[in-house]
N, C-alpha and C. Protein backbone atom coordinates (compact mmCIF):
# COMPACT_ATOMS: atom_id res chain seq x y z
N LEU A 1 43.44 -8.46 -23.24
CA LEU A 1 42.24 -9.21 -22.88
C LEU A 1 41.28 -8.34 -22.05
N SER A 2 41.80 -7.57 -21.11
CA SER A 2 40.92 -6.74 -20.27
C SER A 2 40.24 -5.66 -21.10
N VAL A 3 40.91 -5.14 -22.13
CA VAL A 3 40.29 -4.15 -23.00
C VAL A 3 39.12 -4.78 -23.76
N LEU A 4 39.30 -6.03 -24.20
CA LEU A 4 38.26 -6.74 -24.91
C LEU A 4 37.05 -6.99 -23.99
N LEU A 5 37.31 -7.45 -22.76
CA LEU A 5 36.23 -7.69 -21.80
C LEU A 5 35.49 -6.40 -21.44
N PHE A 6 36.25 -5.32 -21.26
CA PHE A 6 35.64 -4.03 -20.95
C PHE A 6 34.74 -3.59 -22.11
N SER A 7 35.24 -3.75 -23.32
CA SER A 7 34.47 -3.35 -24.51
C SER A 7 33.18 -4.16 -24.63
N VAL A 8 33.26 -5.46 -24.41
CA VAL A 8 32.07 -6.31 -24.47
C VAL A 8 31.07 -5.90 -23.39
N ASN A 9 31.56 -5.67 -22.17
CA ASN A 9 30.69 -5.24 -21.07
C ASN A 9 30.04 -3.90 -21.38
N ALA A 10 30.80 -2.95 -21.89
CA ALA A 10 30.26 -1.64 -22.22
C ALA A 10 29.18 -1.75 -23.30
N TYR A 11 29.44 -2.59 -24.30
CA TYR A 11 28.47 -2.77 -25.37
C TYR A 11 27.18 -3.41 -24.83
N CYS A 12 27.31 -4.39 -23.97
CA CYS A 12 26.13 -5.05 -23.37
C CYS A 12 25.32 -4.05 -22.55
N CYS A 13 26.00 -3.22 -21.80
CA CYS A 13 25.30 -2.19 -21.03
C CYS A 13 24.59 -1.21 -21.95
N PHE A 14 25.23 -0.85 -23.03
CA PHE A 14 24.63 0.08 -24.00
C PHE A 14 23.35 -0.48 -24.60
N ILE A 15 23.38 -1.75 -25.00
CA ILE A 15 22.19 -2.30 -25.65
C ILE A 15 21.07 -2.59 -24.66
N GLN A 16 21.39 -2.69 -23.37
CA GLN A 16 20.37 -2.95 -22.34
C GLN A 16 19.84 -1.69 -21.67
N GLN A 17 20.41 -0.52 -21.99
CA GLN A 17 20.06 0.69 -21.25
C GLN A 17 18.59 1.07 -21.35
N ASN A 18 17.94 0.83 -22.46
CA ASN A 18 16.53 1.19 -22.61
C ASN A 18 15.62 0.30 -21.78
N LYS A 19 16.14 -0.86 -21.41
CA LYS A 19 15.34 -1.80 -20.64
C LYS A 19 14.91 -1.23 -19.29
N TYR A 20 15.68 -0.29 -18.77
CA TYR A 20 15.41 0.25 -17.43
C TYR A 20 15.38 1.77 -17.41
N GLU A 21 14.89 2.39 -18.48
CA GLU A 21 14.98 3.84 -18.56
C GLU A 21 13.96 4.59 -17.70
N ASN A 22 12.86 4.00 -17.35
CA ASN A 22 11.91 4.64 -16.43
C ASN A 22 11.28 3.58 -15.54
N LYS A 23 10.55 4.05 -14.52
CA LYS A 23 10.03 3.10 -13.53
C LYS A 23 9.04 2.11 -14.14
N TYR A 24 8.26 2.54 -15.11
CA TYR A 24 7.29 1.62 -15.74
C TYR A 24 8.02 0.51 -16.49
N THR A 25 8.97 0.92 -17.31
CA THR A 25 9.74 -0.05 -18.09
C THR A 25 10.52 -0.97 -17.16
N TYR A 26 11.10 -0.38 -16.11
CA TYR A 26 11.91 -1.16 -15.17
C TYR A 26 11.08 -2.28 -14.54
N TRP A 27 9.91 -1.95 -13.98
CA TRP A 27 9.13 -2.96 -13.26
C TRP A 27 8.46 -3.95 -14.19
N VAL A 28 8.09 -3.54 -15.38
CA VAL A 28 7.54 -4.49 -16.35
C VAL A 28 8.62 -5.50 -16.73
N ASN A 29 9.83 -5.01 -16.99
CA ASN A 29 10.93 -5.91 -17.34
C ASN A 29 11.34 -6.79 -16.16
N THR A 30 11.30 -6.23 -14.96
CA THR A 30 11.62 -7.04 -13.79
C THR A 30 10.60 -8.16 -13.63
N TYR A 31 9.32 -7.84 -13.80
CA TYR A 31 8.29 -8.86 -13.71
C TYR A 31 8.47 -9.91 -14.82
N PHE A 32 8.79 -9.45 -16.01
CA PHE A 32 9.01 -10.37 -17.12
C PHE A 32 10.17 -11.32 -16.81
N ASP A 33 11.23 -10.77 -16.20
CA ASP A 33 12.41 -11.58 -15.86
C ASP A 33 12.15 -12.52 -14.67
N ALA A 34 11.31 -12.07 -13.72
CA ALA A 34 11.07 -12.86 -12.50
C ALA A 34 9.61 -12.70 -12.07
N PRO A 35 8.68 -13.38 -12.73
CA PRO A 35 7.26 -13.18 -12.43
C PRO A 35 6.84 -13.62 -11.03
N ALA A 36 7.63 -14.42 -10.36
CA ALA A 36 7.29 -14.86 -9.00
C ALA A 36 7.97 -14.00 -7.93
N TYR A 37 8.58 -12.89 -8.34
CA TYR A 37 9.22 -11.98 -7.38
C TYR A 37 8.16 -11.04 -6.82
N HIS A 38 7.91 -11.14 -5.52
CA HIS A 38 6.85 -10.36 -4.89
C HIS A 38 7.08 -8.86 -5.05
N GLY A 39 8.30 -8.43 -5.04
CA GLY A 39 8.60 -7.00 -5.18
C GLY A 39 8.16 -6.45 -6.52
N ALA A 40 8.40 -7.21 -7.58
CA ALA A 40 7.97 -6.77 -8.91
C ALA A 40 6.45 -6.70 -8.97
N CYS A 41 5.78 -7.68 -8.40
CA CYS A 41 4.31 -7.68 -8.38
C CYS A 41 3.79 -6.47 -7.59
N TYR A 42 4.42 -6.19 -6.45
CA TYR A 42 4.00 -5.06 -5.64
C TYR A 42 4.15 -3.74 -6.40
N TRP A 43 5.31 -3.54 -7.01
CA TRP A 43 5.55 -2.26 -7.69
C TRP A 43 4.69 -2.11 -8.94
N LEU A 44 4.40 -3.19 -9.61
CA LEU A 44 3.45 -3.09 -10.73
C LEU A 44 2.07 -2.70 -10.21
N ALA A 45 1.67 -3.27 -9.09
CA ALA A 45 0.39 -2.90 -8.47
C ALA A 45 0.40 -1.42 -8.11
N TYR A 46 1.50 -0.95 -7.57
CA TYR A 46 1.64 0.46 -7.21
C TYR A 46 1.47 1.35 -8.44
N LEU A 47 2.11 0.97 -9.53
CA LEU A 47 2.02 1.75 -10.76
C LEU A 47 0.59 1.74 -11.31
N TYR A 48 -0.07 0.58 -11.25
CA TYR A 48 -1.46 0.51 -11.69
C TYR A 48 -2.36 1.35 -10.78
N THR A 49 -2.04 1.41 -9.50
CA THR A 49 -2.82 2.24 -8.57
C THR A 49 -2.66 3.71 -8.94
N GLU A 50 -1.45 4.12 -9.28
CA GLU A 50 -1.23 5.50 -9.73
C GLU A 50 -2.11 5.84 -10.93
N GLN A 51 -2.32 4.87 -11.80
CA GLN A 51 -3.13 5.06 -12.99
C GLN A 51 -4.63 4.84 -12.72
N LYS A 52 -4.96 4.52 -11.47
CA LYS A 52 -6.33 4.22 -11.05
C LYS A 52 -6.92 3.00 -11.75
N ASN A 53 -6.04 2.09 -12.14
CA ASN A 53 -6.47 0.82 -12.72
C ASN A 53 -6.47 -0.19 -11.58
N TYR A 54 -7.52 -0.13 -10.76
CA TYR A 54 -7.56 -0.89 -9.53
C TYR A 54 -7.71 -2.40 -9.74
N SER A 55 -8.35 -2.80 -10.81
CA SER A 55 -8.48 -4.25 -11.04
C SER A 55 -7.11 -4.88 -11.32
N LYS A 56 -6.28 -4.19 -12.10
CA LYS A 56 -4.92 -4.71 -12.36
C LYS A 56 -4.07 -4.62 -11.08
N ALA A 57 -4.23 -3.54 -10.34
CA ALA A 57 -3.49 -3.40 -9.09
C ALA A 57 -3.84 -4.53 -8.14
N ARG A 58 -5.14 -4.81 -8.04
CA ARG A 58 -5.60 -5.91 -7.16
C ARG A 58 -4.99 -7.24 -7.61
N GLU A 59 -5.00 -7.49 -8.92
CA GLU A 59 -4.45 -8.73 -9.47
C GLU A 59 -2.97 -8.90 -9.07
N PHE A 60 -2.18 -7.84 -9.19
CA PHE A 60 -0.76 -7.95 -8.86
C PHE A 60 -0.51 -7.97 -7.36
N LEU A 61 -1.35 -7.30 -6.58
CA LEU A 61 -1.19 -7.39 -5.13
C LEU A 61 -1.52 -8.78 -4.60
N LYS A 62 -2.50 -9.42 -5.21
CA LYS A 62 -2.80 -10.80 -4.81
C LYS A 62 -1.60 -11.70 -5.09
N LYS A 63 -0.95 -11.50 -6.25
CA LYS A 63 0.26 -12.27 -6.56
C LYS A 63 1.38 -11.93 -5.58
N ALA A 64 1.55 -10.65 -5.27
CA ALA A 64 2.60 -10.23 -4.34
C ALA A 64 2.38 -10.88 -2.98
N ASN A 65 1.12 -10.93 -2.52
CA ASN A 65 0.83 -11.59 -1.24
C ASN A 65 1.11 -13.08 -1.30
N GLU A 66 0.78 -13.69 -2.42
CA GLU A 66 1.02 -15.12 -2.59
C GLU A 66 2.52 -15.43 -2.53
N TYR A 67 3.32 -14.62 -3.22
CA TYR A 67 4.77 -14.87 -3.27
C TYR A 67 5.51 -14.27 -2.07
N GLY A 68 4.92 -13.27 -1.42
CA GLY A 68 5.64 -12.56 -0.36
C GLY A 68 5.12 -12.82 1.03
N GLY A 69 4.30 -13.84 1.21
CA GLY A 69 3.87 -14.20 2.56
C GLY A 69 2.91 -13.21 3.20
N ASN A 70 1.97 -12.70 2.44
CA ASN A 70 0.92 -11.81 2.96
C ASN A 70 1.43 -10.48 3.49
N ARG A 71 2.59 -10.04 3.06
CA ARG A 71 3.10 -8.77 3.58
C ARG A 71 2.40 -7.55 2.97
N TYR A 72 1.57 -7.77 1.96
CA TYR A 72 0.91 -6.66 1.28
C TYR A 72 -0.61 -6.65 1.49
N VAL A 73 -1.07 -7.27 2.55
CA VAL A 73 -2.50 -7.35 2.83
C VAL A 73 -3.11 -5.96 3.00
N SER A 74 -2.42 -5.08 3.71
CA SER A 74 -2.97 -3.73 3.92
C SER A 74 -3.03 -2.94 2.62
N ASP A 75 -2.09 -3.19 1.72
CA ASP A 75 -2.12 -2.53 0.41
C ASP A 75 -3.33 -3.01 -0.40
N LEU A 76 -3.60 -4.29 -0.31
CA LEU A 76 -4.76 -4.85 -0.99
C LEU A 76 -6.05 -4.28 -0.40
N ALA A 77 -6.07 -4.09 0.91
CA ALA A 77 -7.24 -3.48 1.56
C ALA A 77 -7.48 -2.08 1.01
N LEU A 78 -6.41 -1.35 0.79
CA LEU A 78 -6.55 0.01 0.26
C LEU A 78 -7.17 0.01 -1.13
N ILE A 79 -6.81 -0.97 -1.95
CA ILE A 79 -7.41 -1.08 -3.28
C ILE A 79 -8.92 -1.31 -3.16
N TYR A 80 -9.30 -2.21 -2.26
CA TYR A 80 -10.73 -2.44 -2.05
C TYR A 80 -11.43 -1.15 -1.56
N TYR A 81 -10.74 -0.39 -0.73
CA TYR A 81 -11.29 0.89 -0.28
C TYR A 81 -11.52 1.82 -1.48
N TYR A 82 -10.50 1.94 -2.34
CA TYR A 82 -10.62 2.78 -3.52
C TYR A 82 -11.78 2.34 -4.42
N GLU A 83 -12.01 1.04 -4.47
CA GLU A 83 -13.09 0.50 -5.31
C GLU A 83 -14.46 0.62 -4.64
N GLY A 84 -14.49 1.03 -3.39
CA GLY A 84 -15.76 1.18 -2.69
C GLY A 84 -16.23 -0.08 -1.99
N ASN A 85 -15.39 -1.10 -1.92
CA ASN A 85 -15.74 -2.35 -1.23
C ASN A 85 -15.22 -2.24 0.21
N TYR A 86 -15.93 -1.47 1.03
CA TYR A 86 -15.46 -1.13 2.37
C TYR A 86 -15.46 -2.31 3.32
N ASN A 87 -16.40 -3.22 3.17
CA ASN A 87 -16.42 -4.40 4.05
C ASN A 87 -15.19 -5.28 3.80
N LYS A 88 -14.84 -5.47 2.54
CA LYS A 88 -13.64 -6.25 2.21
C LYS A 88 -12.40 -5.51 2.71
N ALA A 89 -12.38 -4.21 2.57
CA ALA A 89 -11.25 -3.43 3.07
C ALA A 89 -11.10 -3.61 4.58
N LYS A 90 -12.21 -3.52 5.31
CA LYS A 90 -12.16 -3.71 6.77
C LYS A 90 -11.66 -5.11 7.12
N GLU A 91 -12.16 -6.09 6.40
CA GLU A 91 -11.73 -7.48 6.63
C GLU A 91 -10.21 -7.62 6.46
N LEU A 92 -9.69 -7.05 5.40
CA LEU A 92 -8.25 -7.18 5.13
C LEU A 92 -7.40 -6.33 6.08
N TYR A 93 -7.91 -5.16 6.47
CA TYR A 93 -7.17 -4.37 7.47
C TYR A 93 -7.08 -5.15 8.78
N ASN A 94 -8.16 -5.79 9.17
CA ASN A 94 -8.14 -6.60 10.40
C ASN A 94 -7.20 -7.79 10.27
N LYS A 95 -7.16 -8.39 9.09
CA LYS A 95 -6.23 -9.50 8.86
C LYS A 95 -4.78 -9.01 8.97
N SER A 96 -4.51 -7.85 8.40
CA SER A 96 -3.16 -7.28 8.47
C SER A 96 -2.77 -7.00 9.92
N ILE A 97 -3.72 -6.51 10.70
CA ILE A 97 -3.47 -6.25 12.13
C ILE A 97 -3.15 -7.56 12.84
N GLU A 98 -3.93 -8.60 12.56
CA GLU A 98 -3.68 -9.92 13.17
C GLU A 98 -2.30 -10.44 12.80
N LEU A 99 -1.86 -10.16 11.57
CA LEU A 99 -0.53 -10.60 11.12
C LEU A 99 0.58 -9.70 11.66
N GLY A 100 0.20 -8.57 12.25
CA GLY A 100 1.19 -7.64 12.79
C GLY A 100 1.86 -6.78 11.73
N ILE A 101 1.18 -6.56 10.62
CA ILE A 101 1.75 -5.81 9.50
C ILE A 101 1.04 -4.45 9.38
N ASN A 102 1.82 -3.37 9.44
CA ASN A 102 1.29 -2.01 9.27
C ASN A 102 0.11 -1.74 10.20
N LYS A 103 0.25 -2.14 11.45
CA LYS A 103 -0.89 -2.06 12.37
C LYS A 103 -1.41 -0.64 12.55
N ALA A 104 -0.54 0.32 12.79
CA ALA A 104 -1.00 1.69 13.03
C ALA A 104 -1.71 2.25 11.80
N GLN A 105 -1.14 2.01 10.64
CA GLN A 105 -1.75 2.46 9.40
C GLN A 105 -3.14 1.82 9.21
N CYS A 106 -3.23 0.54 9.52
CA CYS A 106 -4.52 -0.16 9.39
C CYS A 106 -5.55 0.39 10.37
N TYR A 107 -5.13 0.66 11.60
CA TYR A 107 -6.04 1.24 12.58
C TYR A 107 -6.56 2.59 12.09
N ARG A 108 -5.64 3.43 11.58
CA ARG A 108 -6.06 4.74 11.09
C ARG A 108 -7.03 4.59 9.91
N ASN A 109 -6.71 3.69 8.98
CA ASN A 109 -7.57 3.51 7.81
C ASN A 109 -8.95 2.95 8.21
N LEU A 110 -8.96 2.08 9.21
CA LEU A 110 -10.26 1.61 9.74
C LEU A 110 -11.03 2.77 10.35
N SER A 111 -10.32 3.64 11.04
CA SER A 111 -10.96 4.82 11.62
C SER A 111 -11.61 5.67 10.53
N VAL A 112 -10.90 5.85 9.42
CA VAL A 112 -11.44 6.62 8.30
C VAL A 112 -12.72 5.98 7.78
N ILE A 113 -12.70 4.68 7.60
CA ILE A 113 -13.90 3.98 7.10
C ILE A 113 -15.05 4.14 8.07
N TYR A 114 -14.78 3.92 9.37
CA TYR A 114 -15.87 4.03 10.35
C TYR A 114 -16.41 5.45 10.43
N PHE A 115 -15.56 6.44 10.23
CA PHE A 115 -16.04 7.82 10.31
C PHE A 115 -16.74 8.25 9.02
N LYS A 116 -16.04 8.12 7.90
CA LYS A 116 -16.58 8.65 6.63
C LYS A 116 -17.67 7.78 6.01
N ILE A 117 -17.54 6.49 6.12
CA ILE A 117 -18.45 5.59 5.42
C ILE A 117 -19.58 5.11 6.34
N ASP A 118 -19.21 4.60 7.50
CA ASP A 118 -20.20 4.02 8.41
C ASP A 118 -20.83 5.04 9.36
N ASN A 119 -20.25 6.25 9.43
CA ASN A 119 -20.74 7.30 10.31
C ASN A 119 -20.78 6.84 11.77
N ASN A 120 -19.79 6.05 12.15
CA ASN A 120 -19.70 5.53 13.50
C ASN A 120 -18.54 6.24 14.20
N THR A 121 -18.85 7.35 14.86
CA THR A 121 -17.80 8.18 15.46
C THR A 121 -17.10 7.47 16.61
N ASN A 122 -17.81 6.65 17.37
CA ASN A 122 -17.19 5.95 18.49
C ASN A 122 -16.10 4.99 18.00
N LYS A 123 -16.42 4.21 16.96
CA LYS A 123 -15.44 3.27 16.39
C LYS A 123 -14.28 4.05 15.76
N ALA A 124 -14.61 5.16 15.11
CA ALA A 124 -13.57 5.97 14.47
C ALA A 124 -12.55 6.46 15.50
N ILE A 125 -13.03 6.96 16.62
CA ILE A 125 -12.14 7.43 17.69
C ILE A 125 -11.36 6.26 18.28
N GLU A 126 -12.04 5.16 18.51
CA GLU A 126 -11.40 3.97 19.08
C GLU A 126 -10.20 3.54 18.22
N TYR A 127 -10.41 3.44 16.91
CA TYR A 127 -9.33 3.00 16.03
C TYR A 127 -8.24 4.05 15.89
N ALA A 128 -8.60 5.32 15.91
CA ALA A 128 -7.60 6.38 15.86
C ALA A 128 -6.70 6.33 17.10
N LYS A 129 -7.31 6.05 18.26
CA LYS A 129 -6.53 5.92 19.50
C LYS A 129 -5.61 4.70 19.44
N LEU A 130 -6.08 3.62 18.84
CA LEU A 130 -5.24 2.43 18.70
C LEU A 130 -4.04 2.72 17.79
N ALA A 131 -4.24 3.53 16.76
CA ALA A 131 -3.13 3.90 15.88
C ALA A 131 -2.08 4.68 16.66
N VAL A 132 -2.52 5.62 17.48
CA VAL A 132 -1.59 6.41 18.30
C VAL A 132 -0.88 5.51 19.31
N LYS A 133 -1.62 4.60 19.92
CA LYS A 133 -1.02 3.67 20.88
C LYS A 133 0.04 2.79 20.21
N GLU A 134 -0.23 2.38 18.98
CA GLU A 134 0.70 1.51 18.24
C GLU A 134 1.96 2.26 17.84
N GLU A 135 1.82 3.52 17.47
CA GLU A 135 2.95 4.36 17.03
C GLU A 135 2.94 5.67 17.81
N PRO A 136 3.28 5.63 19.10
CA PRO A 136 3.15 6.83 19.94
C PRO A 136 4.08 7.99 19.55
N TYR A 137 5.13 7.71 18.81
CA TYR A 137 6.07 8.77 18.44
C TYR A 137 5.83 9.32 17.04
N ASP A 138 4.79 8.85 16.39
CA ASP A 138 4.45 9.33 15.05
C ASP A 138 3.42 10.44 15.18
N ASP A 139 3.85 11.65 14.89
CA ASP A 139 2.96 12.82 15.05
C ASP A 139 1.78 12.79 14.08
N GLY A 140 1.92 12.10 12.96
CA GLY A 140 0.83 12.03 11.98
C GLY A 140 -0.41 11.38 12.55
N TYR A 141 -0.23 10.30 13.32
CA TYR A 141 -1.38 9.62 13.93
C TYR A 141 -1.99 10.47 15.04
N LYS A 142 -1.14 11.16 15.80
CA LYS A 142 -1.65 12.05 16.85
C LYS A 142 -2.45 13.19 16.23
N GLN A 143 -1.92 13.76 15.16
CA GLN A 143 -2.61 14.87 14.50
C GLN A 143 -3.94 14.40 13.91
N TYR A 144 -3.95 13.20 13.33
CA TYR A 144 -5.20 12.66 12.79
C TYR A 144 -6.25 12.54 13.90
N LEU A 145 -5.86 12.01 15.06
CA LEU A 145 -6.79 11.86 16.18
C LEU A 145 -7.31 13.22 16.63
N LEU A 146 -6.42 14.20 16.76
CA LEU A 146 -6.84 15.54 17.17
C LEU A 146 -7.82 16.15 16.16
N ASN A 147 -7.50 16.02 14.88
CA ASN A 147 -8.38 16.56 13.83
C ASN A 147 -9.73 15.86 13.83
N LEU A 148 -9.71 14.55 13.99
CA LEU A 148 -10.95 13.78 14.02
C LEU A 148 -11.81 14.22 15.21
N GLN A 149 -11.19 14.34 16.37
CA GLN A 149 -11.93 14.75 17.56
C GLN A 149 -12.51 16.15 17.38
N LYS A 150 -11.75 17.03 16.76
CA LYS A 150 -12.22 18.41 16.52
C LYS A 150 -13.43 18.40 15.58
N ILE A 151 -13.36 17.62 14.52
CA ILE A 151 -14.47 17.53 13.56
C ILE A 151 -15.72 16.98 14.23
N ILE A 152 -15.54 15.94 15.04
CA ILE A 152 -16.67 15.33 15.74
C ILE A 152 -17.27 16.32 16.74
N ASP A 153 -16.40 17.02 17.49
CA ASP A 153 -16.90 18.03 18.46
C ASP A 153 -17.69 19.13 17.76
N GLU A 154 -17.17 19.62 16.63
CA GLU A 154 -17.86 20.68 15.89
C GLU A 154 -19.18 20.17 15.35
N LYS A 155 -19.18 18.94 14.88
CA LYS A 155 -20.41 18.32 14.35
C LYS A 155 -21.47 18.18 15.44
N ASN A 156 -21.03 17.82 16.66
CA ASN A 156 -21.97 17.64 17.77
C ASN A 156 -22.48 18.96 18.32
N ASN A 157 -21.72 20.04 18.11
CA ASN A 157 -22.13 21.34 18.63
C ASN A 157 -23.04 22.11 17.66
N ILE A 158 -23.25 21.56 16.49
CA ILE A 158 -24.11 22.26 15.51
C ILE A 158 -25.56 22.09 15.84
């Protein structure tokens, strides 16, 4: 009996192996199997973002937020940033901060928007400092603040 069960199991695994052969196939099949699973929606959005298909990424991130309790608000903000909708991106980064999700990352991304898009160096520094304050042991945020300050100083000395 155990040989028969093993054989059946092995055969089932064999016929299902193509279902999960790469990340695209895996997440499409996962979404097909469980369309209300926030993780599947998130990873499909991630894959669409890799392909620069931001409208599809936005669609799946909205679903991921709906099913996952707004845990992907900052990811959705990034899509709006990529699309050039900076005001919506700022709104969602602030919402993510209020929710306590990815606060340091949101502060840094707000700093980028204020510096590169709005040309507001004071706000850019303010948000960069908040990112460092939120994650004081993360050297990436400290380095970003130092680089930003250096760029601003060089710009002011020209």
